[in-house]
Amino acid sequence: MENTNTVVYKINFHSYWHIGSGLSGNTYADLLVLKNDDFLPFIPGKTLKGLLREAAELLMPALNDDFPDDFIDVVFGMTPDDANLRDETYVSEGISFFSNAQLPENIAKEIMTKDDFRNILYKTISSTALDEGGIAKTNSLRQIEVCVPLTLFGMVHQFPSNEKYMQALKYCFSYIKRMGLQRNRGFGNCTLSLFKSDNIQ
């Protein structure tokens, strides 16, 4: 592909959400939100790439005419499993690069002017497991750190400069309605949408 775009998209969270760091906050919380060096929340590019690839794999059979035949291979790459299914001997990474999704720089700088601003980004939610009689099980109380509803922005670099590829990506955006931990409890409710696309010559 000769021409590519940088696609900027936004993620609007409509509820508390939790992208896990895998770390514990000891007495504060059992599970902590993933944060950058400035203690601000973000979503790793590889997480977003995986979610969008999964959306493409699920949508392509139903919307085949609206997806380029090579959309997944070109944008996301060919995995070892893909290669085995096609009796291919090589894998590829795809041409597109997915950045982390994070707060806009001006908002991040404003938040960092005061420590208290960062504190209001996070809440702790308590939950416990119940037995058949509706009584809390012993030692089942857990506290999970969650992030308040925010709008994050992410970028897809070197995305094919082609309207059909762009439409396919928009379908993938619209398919994702939730992400992160505790989705079955209403966490991670979100909307992904195109913000802008700049042609790179």
C-alpha atoms as a PDB file:
ATOM      1  CA  MET A   1       0.000   0.000   0.000  1.00  0.00           C
ATOM      2  CA  GLU A   2       1.565   3.282  -1.115  1.00  0.00           C
ATOM      3  CA  ASN A   3      -0.566   5.763   0.834  1.00  0.00           C
ATOM      4  CA  THR A   4      -1.418   5.485   4.489  1.00  0.00           C
ATOM      5  CA  ASN A   5      -3.284   7.514   7.078  1.00  0.00           C
ATOM      6  CA  THR A   6      -2.877   8.290  10.732  1.00  0.00           C
ATOM      7  CA  VAL A   7      -6.294   7.588  12.194  1.00  0.00           C
ATOM      8  CA  VAL A   8      -7.212   9.246  15.480  1.00  0.00           C
ATOM      9  CA  TYR A   9     -10.171   7.771  17.345  1.00  0.00           C
ATOM     10  CA  LYS A  10     -11.762   8.385  20.702  1.00  0.00           C
ATOM     11  CA  ILE A  11     -13.061   6.084  23.395  1.00  0.00           C
ATOM     12  CA  ASN A  12     -15.902   7.503  25.467  1.00  0.00           C
ATOM     13  CA  PHE A  13     -16.413   5.547  28.671  1.00  0.00           C
ATOM     14  CA  HIS A  14     -19.964   5.828  29.999  1.00  0.00           C
ATOM     15  CA  SER A  15     -19.405   3.906  33.229  1.00  0.00           C
ATOM     16  CA  TYR A  16     -16.649   2.948  35.644  1.00  0.00           C
ATOM     17  CA  TRP A  17     -13.978   0.878  33.903  1.00  0.00           C
ATOM     18  CA  HIS A  18     -10.942  -1.189  34.811  1.00  0.00           C
ATOM     19  CA  ILE A  19      -8.019  -2.096  32.576  1.00  0.00           C
ATOM     20  CA  GLY A  20      -5.919  -4.094  34.987  1.00  0.00           C
ATOM     21  CA  SER A  21      -2.278  -3.623  35.869  1.00  0.00           C
ATOM     22  CA  GLY A  22      -2.029  -7.061  37.456  1.00  0.00           C
ATOM     23  CA  LEU A  23      -0.859  -5.362  40.654  1.00  0.00           C
ATOM     24  CA  SER A  24      -2.373  -5.217  44.121  1.00  0.00           C
ATOM     25  CA  GLY A  25      -2.693  -2.088  46.220  1.00  0.00           C
ATOM     26  CA  ASN A  26      -2.445  -4.033  49.485  1.00  0.00           C
ATOM     27  CA  THR A  27      -5.072  -2.646  51.873  1.00  0.00           C
ATOM     28  CA  TYR A  28      -6.273  -0.040  49.342  1.00  0.00           C
ATOM     29  CA  ALA A  29      -7.484  -2.432  46.658  1.00  0.00           C
ATOM     30  CA  ASP A  30      -6.946  -5.996  45.499  1.00  0.00           C
ATOM     31  CA  LEU A  31      -6.722  -4.982  41.831  1.00  0.00           C
ATOM     32  CA  LEU A  32      -5.324  -1.703  40.509  1.00  0.00           C
ATOM     33  CA  VAL A  33      -6.022   0.182  37.287  1.00  0.00           C
ATOM     34  CA  LEU A  34      -3.177   0.326  34.764  1.00  0.00           C
ATOM     35  CA  LYS A  35      -1.465   3.735  34.941  1.00  0.00           C
ATOM     36  CA  ASN A  36       1.403   5.462  33.177  1.00  0.00           C
ATOM     37  CA  ASP A  37       4.439   7.058  34.855  1.00  0.00           C
ATOM     38  CA  ASP A  38       2.305  10.104  35.716  1.00  0.00           C
ATOM     39  CA  PHE A  39      -0.272   7.874  37.432  1.00  0.00           C
ATOM     40  CA  LEU A  40      -2.846   8.566  34.718  1.00  0.00           C
ATOM     41  CA  PRO A  41      -4.968   5.785  33.188  1.00  0.00           C
ATOM     42  CA  PHE A  42      -4.319   4.461  29.696  1.00  0.00           C
ATOM     43  CA  ILE A  43      -5.120   1.475  27.514  1.00  0.00           C
ATOM     44  CA  PRO A  44      -2.198  -0.331  25.854  1.00  0.00           C
ATOM     45  CA  GLY A  45      -2.079  -0.300  22.083  1.00  0.00           C
ATOM     46  CA  LYS A  46      -1.750  -4.087  21.985  1.00  0.00           C
ATOM     47  CA  THR A  47      -5.003  -4.414  23.947  1.00  0.00           C
ATOM     48  CA  LEU A  48      -6.835  -2.193  21.470  1.00  0.00           C
ATOM     49  CA  LYS A  49      -5.273  -3.975  18.502  1.00  0.00           C
ATOM     50  CA  GLY A  50      -6.494  -7.295  19.890  1.00  0.00           C
ATOM     51  CA  LEU A  51     -10.039  -6.015  20.477  1.00  0.00           C
ATOM     52  CA  LEU A  52     -10.269  -4.498  16.992  1.00  0.00           C
ATOM     53  CA  ARG A  53      -8.844  -7.616  15.357  1.00  0.00           C
ATOM     54  CA  GLU A  54     -11.369  -9.779  17.204  1.00  0.00           C
ATOM     55  CA  ALA A  55     -14.158  -7.451  16.036  1.00  0.00           C
ATOM     56  CA  ALA A  56     -12.937  -7.762  12.428  1.00  0.00           C
ATOM     57  CA  GLU A  57     -12.798 -11.561  12.649  1.00  0.00           C
ATOM     58  CA  LEU A  58     -16.382 -11.678  13.921  1.00  0.00           C
ATOM     59  CA  LEU A  59     -17.780  -9.103  11.491  1.00  0.00           C
ATOM     60  CA  MET A  60     -16.126 -10.167   8.232  1.00  0.00           C
ATOM     61  CA  PRO A  61     -18.267 -13.303   7.663  1.00  0.00           C
ATOM     62  CA  ALA A  62     -21.474 -11.263   8.073  1.00  0.00           C
ATOM     63  CA  LEU A  63     -20.293  -8.109   6.261  1.00  0.00           C
ATOM     64  CA  ASN A  64     -18.009  -9.695   3.716  1.00  0.00           C
ATOM     65  CA  ASP A  65     -18.871  -7.263   0.922  1.00  0.00           C
ATOM     66  CA  ASP A  66     -17.988  -4.302   3.171  1.00  0.00           C
ATOM     67  CA  PHE A  67     -14.537  -5.599   4.153  1.00  0.00           C
ATOM     68  CA  PRO A  68     -11.510  -5.850   1.850  1.00  0.00           C
ATOM     69  CA  ASP A  69     -10.514  -9.510   1.572  1.00  0.00           C
ATOM     70  CA  ASP A  70      -7.064  -8.783   2.997  1.00  0.00           C
ATOM     71  CA  PHE A  71      -8.209  -6.334   5.706  1.00  0.00           C
ATOM     72  CA  ILE A  72      -7.072  -8.439   8.672  1.00  0.00           C
ATOM     73  CA  ASP A  73      -3.768  -9.510   7.137  1.00  0.00           C
ATOM     74  CA  VAL A  74      -2.852  -5.999   5.986  1.00  0.00           C
ATOM     75  CA  VAL A  75      -3.904  -4.087   9.115  1.00  0.00           C
ATOM     76  CA  PHE A  76      -3.311  -6.601  11.919  1.00  0.00           C
ATOM     77  CA  GLY A  77      -0.995  -9.176  10.386  1.00  0.00           C
ATOM     78  CA  MET A  78      -1.035 -12.925   9.976  1.00  0.00           C
ATOM     79  CA  THR A  79      -0.714 -14.946  13.184  1.00  0.00           C
ATOM     80  CA  PRO A  80       0.905 -18.405  13.429  1.00  0.00           C
ATOM     81  CA  ASP A  81      -2.606 -19.896  13.685  1.00  0.00           C
ATOM     82  CA  ASP A  82      -3.624 -18.089  10.482  1.00  0.00           C
ATOM     83  CA  ALA A  83      -0.531 -19.385   8.723  1.00  0.00           C
ATOM     84  CA  ASN A  84      -1.197 -22.968   9.820  1.00  0.00           C
ATOM     85  CA  LEU A  85      -4.788 -22.834   8.582  1.00  0.00           C
ATOM     86  CA  ARG A  86      -3.596 -21.646   5.166  1.00  0.00           C
ATOM     87  CA  ASP A  87      -0.569 -23.942   5.005  1.00  0.00           C
ATOM     88  CA  GLU A  88       1.653 -20.866   4.892  1.00  0.00           C
ATOM     89  CA  THR A  89       5.193 -20.901   6.256  1.00  0.00           C
ATOM     90  CA  TYR A  90       5.450 -17.270   7.366  1.00  0.00           C
ATOM     91  CA  VAL A  91       3.689 -14.773   9.614  1.00  0.00           C
ATOM     92  CA  SER A  92       3.464 -10.987   9.305  1.00  0.00           C
ATOM     93  CA  GLU A  93       2.811  -8.161  11.710  1.00  0.00           C
ATOM     94  CA  GLY A  94       0.625  -6.035   9.455  1.00  0.00           C
ATOM     95  CA  ILE A  95       1.445  -2.512   8.367  1.00  0.00           C
ATOM     96  CA  SER A  96      -0.498  -0.616  11.057  1.00  0.00           C
ATOM     97  CA  PHE A  97       0.795   0.425  14.470  1.00  0.00           C
ATOM     98  CA  PHE A  98      -1.588   0.981  17.391  1.00  0.00           C
ATOM     99  CA  SER A  99      -0.673   3.592  19.983  1.00  0.00           C
ATOM    100  CA  ASN A 100      -1.798   3.585  23.593  1.00  0.00           C
ATOM    101  CA  ALA A 101      -5.129   5.324  24.202  1.00  0.00           C
ATOM    102  CA  GLN A 102      -4.746   8.090  26.751  1.00  0.00           C
ATOM    103  CA  LEU A 103      -6.012  11.444  27.931  1.00  0.00           C
ATOM    104  CA  PRO A 104      -5.347  14.444  25.649  1.00  0.00           C
ATOM    105  CA  GLU A 105      -2.061  16.140  26.508  1.00  0.00           C
ATOM    106  CA  ASN A 106      -3.654  19.429  27.611  1.00  0.00           C
ATOM    107  CA  ILE A 107      -6.060  17.671  29.976  1.00  0.00           C
ATOM    108  CA  ALA A 108      -3.301  15.438  31.344  1.00  0.00           C
ATOM    109  CA  LYS A 109      -1.150  18.494  32.104  1.00  0.00           C
ATOM    110  CA  GLU A 110      -4.063  20.215  33.840  1.00  0.00           C
ATOM    111  CA  ILE A 111      -4.758  17.158  35.987  1.00  0.00           C
ATOM    112  CA  MET A 112      -1.116  16.911  36.999  1.00  0.00           C
ATOM    113  CA  THR A 113      -1.044  20.461  38.350  1.00  0.00           C
ATOM    114  CA  LYS A 114      -2.574  19.193  41.589  1.00  0.00           C
ATOM    115  CA  ASP A 115      -2.341  15.758  43.197  1.00  0.00           C
ATOM    116  CA  ASP A 116      -5.986  15.911  44.214  1.00  0.00           C
ATOM    117  CA  PHE A 117      -7.009  16.048  40.574  1.00  0.00           C
ATOM    118  CA  ARG A 118      -5.483  12.633  39.980  1.00  0.00           C
ATOM    119  CA  ASN A 119      -7.180  11.191  43.042  1.00  0.00           C
ATOM    120  CA  ILE A 120     -10.664  11.958  41.721  1.00  0.00           C
ATOM    121  CA  LEU A 121     -10.010   9.824  38.641  1.00  0.00           C
ATOM    122  CA  TYR A 122     -10.248   6.639  40.680  1.00  0.00           C
ATOM    123  CA  LYS A 123     -12.736   4.954  42.988  1.00  0.00           C
ATOM    124  CA  THR A 124     -12.690   1.658  44.856  1.00  0.00           C
ATOM    125  CA  ILE A 125     -15.614  -0.733  44.473  1.00  0.00           C
ATOM    126  CA  SER A 126     -16.238  -3.501  47.000  1.00  0.00           C
ATOM    127  CA  SER A 127     -17.781  -6.826  46.076  1.00  0.00           C
ATOM    128  CA  THR A 128     -18.290 -10.147  47.796  1.00  0.00           C
ATOM    129  CA  ALA A 129     -19.396 -13.635  46.842  1.00  0.00           C
ATOM    130  CA  LEU A 130     -22.683 -14.907  48.258  1.00  0.00           C
ATOM    131  CA  ASP A 131     -23.616 -18.455  49.162  1.00  0.00           C
ATOM    132  CA  GLU A 132     -26.903 -20.109  48.180  1.00  0.00           C
ATOM    133  CA  GLY A 133     -28.598 -18.505  51.165  1.00  0.00           C
ATOM    134  CA  GLY A 134     -27.554 -15.021  50.138  1.00  0.00           C
ATOM    135  CA  ILE A 135     -24.960 -14.734  52.894  1.00  0.00           C
ATOM    136  CA  ALA A 136     -21.490 -13.395  52.171  1.00  0.00           C
ATOM    137  CA  LYS A 137     -18.847 -16.097  51.934  1.00  0.00           C
ATOM    138  CA  THR A 138     -15.945 -15.874  54.363  1.00  0.00           C
ATOM    139  CA  ASN A 139     -12.874 -14.034  53.053  1.00  0.00           C
ATOM    140  CA  SER A 140     -14.580 -13.233  49.742  1.00  0.00           C
ATOM    141  CA  LEU A 141     -14.606  -9.446  50.095  1.00  0.00           C
ATOM    142  CA  ARG A 142     -12.622  -7.795  47.309  1.00  0.00           C
ATOM    143  CA  GLN A 143     -11.903  -4.186  46.525  1.00  0.00           C
ATOM    144  CA  ILE A 144     -11.290  -3.215  42.921  1.00  0.00           C
ATOM    145  CA  GLU A 145      -9.918   0.123  41.818  1.00  0.00           C
ATOM    146  CA  VAL A 146     -11.888   1.555  38.903  1.00  0.00           C
ATOM    147  CA  CYS A 147     -11.534   4.648  36.758  1.00  0.00           C
ATOM    148  CA  VAL A 148     -14.342   7.177  36.440  1.00  0.00           C
ATOM    149  CA  PRO A 149     -15.899   7.768  32.992  1.00  0.00           C
ATOM    150  CA  LEU A 150     -13.385   9.546  30.743  1.00  0.00           C
ATOM    151  CA  THR A 151     -12.633  10.151  27.091  1.00  0.00           C
ATOM    152  CA  LEU A 152      -9.351   8.745  25.810  1.00  0.00           C
ATOM    153  CA  PHE A 153      -7.768   9.104  22.381  1.00  0.00           C
ATOM    154  CA  GLY A 154      -5.806   6.526  20.441  1.00  0.00           C
ATOM    155  CA  MET A 155      -4.078   6.445  17.063  1.00  0.00           C
ATOM    156  CA  VAL A 156      -3.648   3.885  14.311  1.00  0.00           C
ATOM    157  CA  HIS A 157      -0.515   4.787  12.365  1.00  0.00           C
ATOM    158  CA  GLN A 158       0.054   3.641   8.774  1.00  0.00           C
ATOM    159  CA  PHE A 159      -3.560   2.730   8.171  1.00  0.00           C
ATOM    160  CA  PRO A 160      -4.369   2.111   4.477  1.00  0.00           C
ATOM    161  CA  SER A 161      -5.560   5.278   2.722  1.00  0.00           C
ATOM    162  CA  ASN A 162      -8.620   3.679   1.203  1.00  0.00           C
ATOM    163  CA  GLU A 163     -12.309   4.380   1.866  1.00  0.00           C
ATOM    164  CA  LYS A 164     -13.235   0.689   2.034  1.00  0.00           C
ATOM    165  CA  TYR A 165     -10.557   0.021   4.654  1.00  0.00           C
ATOM    166  CA  MET A 166     -11.740   3.050   6.627  1.00  0.00           C
ATOM    167  CA  GLN A 167     -15.356   1.875   6.535  1.00  0.00           C
ATOM    168  CA  ALA A 168     -14.284  -1.552   7.753  1.00  0.00           C
ATOM    169  CA  LEU A 169     -12.394   0.041  10.651  1.00  0.00           C
ATOM    170  CA  LYS A 170     -15.492   2.065  11.554  1.00  0.00           C
ATOM    171  CA  TYR A 171     -17.494  -1.162  11.714  1.00  0.00           C
ATOM    172  CA  CYS A 172     -14.898  -2.546  14.116  1.00  0.00           C
ATOM    173  CA  PHE A 173     -15.134   0.600  16.263  1.00  0.00           C
ATOM    174  CA  SER A 174     -18.913   0.344  16.468  1.00  0.00           C
ATOM    175  CA  TYR A 175     -18.790  -3.338  17.415  1.00  0.00           C
ATOM    176  CA  ILE A 176     -16.876  -2.719  20.648  1.00  0.00           C
ATOM    177  CA  LYS A 177     -19.316  -1.719  23.389  1.00  0.00           C
ATOM    178  CA  ARG A 178     -17.453  -2.777  26.532  1.00  0.00           C
ATOM    179  CA  MET A 179     -13.869  -3.427  27.560  1.00  0.00           C
ATOM    180  CA  GLY A 180     -11.914  -4.371  30.645  1.00  0.00           C
ATOM    181  CA  LEU A 181     -12.797  -6.179  33.860  1.00  0.00           C
ATOM    182  CA  GLN A 182     -16.312  -6.767  35.231  1.00  0.00           C
ATOM    183  CA  ARG A 183     -18.096  -6.141  31.933  1.00  0.00           C
ATOM    184  CA  ASN A 184     -20.933  -8.410  33.086  1.00  0.00           C
ATOM    185  CA  ARG A 185     -21.523  -6.012  35.999  1.00  0.00           C
ATOM    186  CA  GLY A 186     -21.887  -2.928  33.855  1.00  0.00           C
ATOM    187  CA  PHE A 187     -18.270  -1.787  33.947  1.00  0.00           C
ATOM    188  CA  GLY A 188     -16.403  -0.697  30.831  1.00  0.00           C
ATOM    189  CA  ASN A 189     -19.409   0.533  28.866  1.00  0.00           C
ATOM    190  CA  CYS A 190     -17.899   2.542  26.021  1.00  0.00           C
ATOM    191  CA  THR A 191     -18.239   3.950  22.519  1.00  0.00           C
ATOM    192  CA  LEU A 192     -15.389   4.007  19.993  1.00  0.00           C
ATOM    193  CA  SER A 193     -15.599   6.429  17.098  1.00  0.00           C
ATOM    194  CA  LEU A 194     -13.415   8.050  14.455  1.00  0.00           C
ATOM    195  CA  PHE A 195     -12.061  11.445  15.488  1.00  0.00           C
ATOM    196  CA  LYS A 196     -10.037  12.316  12.411  1.00  0.00           C
ATOM    197  CA  SER A 197      -7.907  10.823   9.662  1.00  0.00           C
ATOM    198  CA  ASP A 198      -4.947  12.684   8.166  1.00  0.00           C
ATOM    199  CA  ASN A 199      -3.545  11.620   4.841  1.00  0.00           C
ATOM    200  CA  ILE A 200       0.182  11.000   4.799  1.00  0.00           C
ATOM    201  CA  GLN A 201       1.756  11.591   1.419  1.00  0.00           C
END
